[in-house]
Each structure stands twice: as C-alpha cells, then as structure tokens.
C-alpha cells in the first residue's frame, strides 16, 4: 500500500486525513500489522489511491510482482474491459 500511496505523492498523514483515520492506522496497514480494515476506510483508500480493493490488499499481503508482470496484468485487465 505504501507504493500506491507514494505514487500519488501522499504522506501517511495526508492519506489518513483524506480517509478519516489516524496516521498510525495507515502505517499498521502498510506494514501488515493491521489488515482488519473497515469496509468504509478500505473503499475510501481505494478511491483516493485510484485502485480497486483487490489491488489494495494484494499490495499489503503479497510480494510485489516484477514490473513487467504488473504491466502485462494491467494491459490484460484493461483489454478485457
């Protein structure tokens, strides 16, 4: 999630203010210490970071894909739409 947040040039504090939670909560989500997120907060984070829910939690719980695989998946997903 940190990568997604930084891509939008948000600090943890910026994002927490936008979604209505604490900076500590954002930090805990990014480190995987707290993945028990409310639906409202999760959806607001997705909206602010312009990602879908699956991508938000994939970023938190799974290792990153190499950039070429991410690009292929994104292209495939967009082509299917």
N, C-alpha and C. Protein backbone atom coordinates (compact mmCIF):
# COMPACT_ATOMS: atom_id res chain seq x y z
N UNK A 1 0.81 -1.18 0.00
CA UNK A 1 0.00 0.00 0.00
C UNK A 1 0.87 1.26 0.00
N UNK A 2 2.03 1.19 0.62
CA UNK A 2 2.92 2.36 0.64
C UNK A 2 3.30 2.77 -0.77
N UNK A 3 3.57 1.80 -1.62
CA UNK A 3 3.93 2.10 -3.01
C UNK A 3 2.79 2.83 -3.71
N UNK A 4 1.57 2.36 -3.50
CA UNK A 4 0.40 3.00 -4.10
C UNK A 4 0.22 4.42 -3.56
N UNK A 5 0.42 4.59 -2.27
CA UNK A 5 0.28 5.91 -1.63
C UNK A 5 1.34 6.88 -2.17
N UNK A 6 2.57 6.41 -2.23
CA UNK A 6 3.67 7.27 -2.69
C UNK A 6 3.52 7.64 -4.16
N UNK A 7 2.92 6.74 -4.94
CA UNK A 7 2.68 7.04 -6.35
C UNK A 7 1.78 8.26 -6.50
N UNK A 8 0.93 8.51 -5.52
CA UNK A 8 0.05 9.68 -5.52
C UNK A 8 0.66 10.87 -4.77
N UNK A 9 1.90 10.70 -4.31
CA UNK A 9 2.60 11.75 -3.56
C UNK A 9 1.90 12.12 -2.26
N UNK A 10 1.30 11.11 -1.60
CA UNK A 10 0.68 11.32 -0.30
C UNK A 10 1.61 10.81 0.80
N UNK A 11 1.69 11.54 1.88
CA UNK A 11 2.32 11.00 3.09
C UNK A 11 1.27 10.15 3.80
N UNK A 12 1.71 9.40 4.80
CA UNK A 12 0.75 8.64 5.60
C UNK A 12 -0.24 9.60 6.26
N UNK A 13 0.25 10.71 6.71
CA UNK A 13 -0.60 11.71 7.34
C UNK A 13 -1.62 12.29 6.35
N UNK A 14 -1.17 12.57 5.13
CA UNK A 14 -2.09 13.07 4.09
C UNK A 14 -3.23 12.09 3.87
N UNK A 15 -2.87 10.83 3.65
CA UNK A 15 -3.87 9.81 3.35
C UNK A 15 -4.81 9.60 4.53
N UNK A 16 -4.26 9.58 5.72
CA UNK A 16 -5.12 9.37 6.89
C UNK A 16 -6.13 10.50 7.04
N UNK A 17 -5.72 11.72 6.77
CA UNK A 17 -6.65 12.85 6.83
C UNK A 17 -7.74 12.75 5.77
N UNK A 18 -7.36 12.30 4.59
CA UNK A 18 -8.32 12.18 3.49
C UNK A 18 -9.36 11.09 3.74
N UNK A 19 -8.95 10.00 4.39
CA UNK A 19 -9.87 8.87 4.56
C UNK A 19 -10.53 8.82 5.93
N UNK A 20 -10.06 9.64 6.87
CA UNK A 20 -10.69 9.70 8.17
C UNK A 20 -10.22 8.66 9.17
N UNK A 21 -8.92 8.45 9.21
CA UNK A 21 -8.35 7.55 10.21
C UNK A 21 -7.03 8.17 10.70
N UNK A 22 -6.31 7.47 11.54
CA UNK A 22 -5.05 8.01 12.04
C UNK A 22 -3.88 7.60 11.16
N UNK A 23 -2.81 8.35 11.27
CA UNK A 23 -1.58 8.01 10.55
C UNK A 23 -1.07 6.66 11.03
N UNK A 24 -1.22 6.37 12.30
CA UNK A 24 -0.77 5.09 12.85
C UNK A 24 -1.53 3.92 12.22
N UNK A 25 -2.80 4.14 11.93
CA UNK A 25 -3.62 3.11 11.29
C UNK A 25 -3.11 2.82 9.88
N UNK A 26 -2.81 3.87 9.13
CA UNK A 26 -2.25 3.71 7.78
C UNK A 26 -0.92 2.97 7.86
N UNK A 27 -0.07 3.35 8.81
CA UNK A 27 1.21 2.69 8.99
C UNK A 27 1.03 1.20 9.29
N UNK A 28 0.10 0.88 10.17
CA UNK A 28 -0.15 -0.52 10.52
C UNK A 28 -0.66 -1.30 9.32
N UNK A 29 -1.48 -0.69 8.50
CA UNK A 29 -1.95 -1.37 7.28
C UNK A 29 -0.80 -1.61 6.32
N UNK A 30 0.07 -0.62 6.17
CA UNK A 30 1.18 -0.75 5.23
C UNK A 30 2.17 -1.83 5.65
N UNK A 31 2.36 -2.00 6.93
CA UNK A 31 3.33 -2.99 7.40
C UNK A 31 2.70 -4.37 7.58
N UNK A 32 1.38 -4.44 7.42
CA UNK A 32 0.69 -5.71 7.60
C UNK A 32 0.35 -6.00 9.05
N UNK A 33 0.66 -5.06 9.94
CA UNK A 33 0.35 -5.26 11.36
C UNK A 33 -1.14 -5.20 11.61
N UNK A 34 -1.89 -4.50 10.75
CA UNK A 34 -3.34 -4.41 10.90
C UNK A 34 -3.98 -4.49 9.52
N UNK A 35 -4.51 -5.66 9.20
CA UNK A 35 -5.22 -5.82 7.94
C UNK A 35 -6.72 -5.96 8.18
N UNK A 36 -7.15 -5.75 9.41
CA UNK A 36 -8.57 -5.80 9.76
C UNK A 36 -9.16 -4.40 9.59
N UNK A 37 -9.32 -4.01 8.36
CA UNK A 37 -9.72 -2.66 8.00
C UNK A 37 -11.23 -2.60 7.80
N UNK A 38 -11.84 -1.51 8.22
CA UNK A 38 -13.28 -1.35 7.98
C UNK A 38 -13.53 -1.19 6.48
N UNK A 39 -14.69 -1.62 6.05
CA UNK A 39 -15.03 -1.52 4.63
C UNK A 39 -15.03 -0.05 4.19
N UNK A 40 -15.55 0.83 5.01
CA UNK A 40 -15.60 2.25 4.66
C UNK A 40 -14.20 2.82 4.43
N UNK A 41 -13.29 2.50 5.35
CA UNK A 41 -11.91 3.01 5.22
C UNK A 41 -11.25 2.40 3.99
N UNK A 42 -11.40 1.09 3.79
CA UNK A 42 -10.78 0.43 2.64
C UNK A 42 -11.28 1.03 1.33
N UNK A 43 -12.58 1.23 1.22
CA UNK A 43 -13.13 1.80 -0.01
C UNK A 43 -12.67 3.24 -0.23
N UNK A 44 -12.56 3.99 0.84
CA UNK A 44 -12.10 5.37 0.71
C UNK A 44 -10.62 5.42 0.31
N UNK A 45 -9.81 4.52 0.87
CA UNK A 45 -8.40 4.44 0.47
C UNK A 45 -8.31 4.10 -1.01
N UNK A 46 -9.10 3.13 -1.45
CA UNK A 46 -9.11 2.76 -2.87
C UNK A 46 -9.49 3.95 -3.75
N UNK A 47 -10.49 4.68 -3.33
CA UNK A 47 -10.92 5.85 -4.10
C UNK A 47 -9.81 6.89 -4.18
N UNK A 48 -9.17 7.15 -3.06
CA UNK A 48 -8.12 8.18 -3.03
C UNK A 48 -6.87 7.76 -3.80
N UNK A 49 -6.58 6.44 -3.80
CA UNK A 49 -5.38 5.95 -4.49
C UNK A 49 -5.69 5.50 -5.92
N UNK A 50 -6.96 5.53 -6.29
CA UNK A 50 -7.41 5.13 -7.62
C UNK A 50 -7.00 3.69 -7.95
N UNK A 51 -7.32 2.79 -7.03
CA UNK A 51 -7.08 1.36 -7.22
C UNK A 51 -8.32 0.60 -6.80
N UNK A 52 -8.44 -0.66 -7.24
CA UNK A 52 -9.57 -1.45 -6.77
C UNK A 52 -9.17 -2.17 -5.49
N UNK A 53 -10.17 -2.69 -4.81
CA UNK A 53 -9.96 -3.30 -3.50
C UNK A 53 -8.98 -4.47 -3.56
N UNK A 54 -9.09 -5.28 -4.59
CA UNK A 54 -8.19 -6.42 -4.75
C UNK A 54 -6.74 -5.96 -4.84
N UNK A 55 -6.48 -4.93 -5.62
CA UNK A 55 -5.11 -4.42 -5.77
C UNK A 55 -4.58 -3.83 -4.47
N UNK A 56 -5.45 -3.17 -3.72
CA UNK A 56 -5.03 -2.58 -2.45
C UNK A 56 -4.53 -3.66 -1.51
N UNK A 57 -5.30 -4.73 -1.34
CA UNK A 57 -4.91 -5.76 -0.39
C UNK A 57 -3.87 -6.72 -0.94
N UNK A 58 -3.78 -6.85 -2.24
CA UNK A 58 -2.70 -7.65 -2.83
C UNK A 58 -1.37 -6.99 -2.49
N UNK A 59 -1.35 -5.67 -2.57
CA UNK A 59 -0.14 -4.92 -2.27
C UNK A 59 0.27 -5.08 -0.81
N UNK A 60 -0.70 -5.22 0.09
CA UNK A 60 -0.41 -5.35 1.52
C UNK A 60 0.04 -6.75 1.87
N UNK A 61 -0.57 -7.78 1.26
CA UNK A 61 -0.37 -9.15 1.73
C UNK A 61 0.54 -10.00 0.87
N UNK A 62 0.86 -9.58 -0.34
CA UNK A 62 1.66 -10.41 -1.23
C UNK A 62 2.90 -9.65 -1.69
N UNK A 63 3.96 -10.40 -2.01
CA UNK A 63 5.14 -9.72 -2.54
C UNK A 63 4.81 -9.09 -3.89
N UNK A 64 5.51 -8.04 -4.20
CA UNK A 64 5.27 -7.34 -5.46
C UNK A 64 5.68 -8.19 -6.64
N UNK A 65 4.95 -8.04 -7.73
CA UNK A 65 5.34 -8.68 -8.98
C UNK A 65 6.44 -7.86 -9.63
N UNK A 66 7.29 -8.52 -10.40
CA UNK A 66 8.25 -7.74 -11.18
C UNK A 66 7.48 -6.78 -12.08
N UNK A 67 8.05 -5.64 -12.38
CA UNK A 67 7.32 -4.60 -13.11
C UNK A 67 6.78 -5.08 -14.44
N UNK A 68 7.50 -5.95 -15.16
CA UNK A 68 7.00 -6.41 -16.45
C UNK A 68 5.73 -7.26 -16.29
N UNK A 69 5.62 -8.05 -15.22
CA UNK A 69 4.41 -8.83 -14.98
C UNK A 69 3.26 -7.93 -14.58
N UNK A 70 3.51 -6.89 -13.80
CA UNK A 70 2.45 -5.95 -13.42
C UNK A 70 1.89 -5.28 -14.66
N UNK A 71 2.78 -4.88 -15.57
CA UNK A 71 2.33 -4.20 -16.78
C UNK A 71 1.50 -5.14 -17.65
N UNK A 72 1.92 -6.43 -17.75
CA UNK A 72 1.16 -7.39 -18.54
C UNK A 72 -0.22 -7.59 -17.95
N UNK A 73 -0.32 -7.72 -16.64
CA UNK A 73 -1.62 -7.92 -15.99
C UNK A 73 -2.50 -6.70 -16.17
N UNK A 74 -1.94 -5.52 -16.06
CA UNK A 74 -2.71 -4.30 -16.24
C UNK A 74 -3.23 -4.21 -17.67
N UNK A 75 -2.37 -4.51 -18.64
CA UNK A 75 -2.78 -4.47 -20.04
C UNK A 75 -3.87 -5.48 -20.32
N UNK A 76 -3.73 -6.68 -19.79
CA UNK A 76 -4.72 -7.73 -19.98
C UNK A 76 -6.04 -7.33 -19.36
N UNK A 77 -5.99 -6.79 -18.15
CA UNK A 77 -7.21 -6.38 -17.45
C UNK A 77 -7.92 -5.27 -18.23
N UNK A 78 -7.18 -4.32 -18.74
CA UNK A 78 -7.79 -3.21 -19.49
C UNK A 78 -8.36 -3.70 -20.82
N UNK A 79 -7.68 -4.65 -21.47
CA UNK A 79 -8.15 -5.19 -22.74
C UNK A 79 -9.45 -5.96 -22.56
N UNK A 80 -9.59 -6.63 -21.43
CA UNK A 80 -10.78 -7.43 -21.17
C UNK A 80 -11.99 -6.57 -20.87
N UNK A 81 -11.76 -5.34 -20.45
CA UNK A 81 -12.89 -4.46 -20.05
C UNK A 81 -13.63 -3.89 -21.22
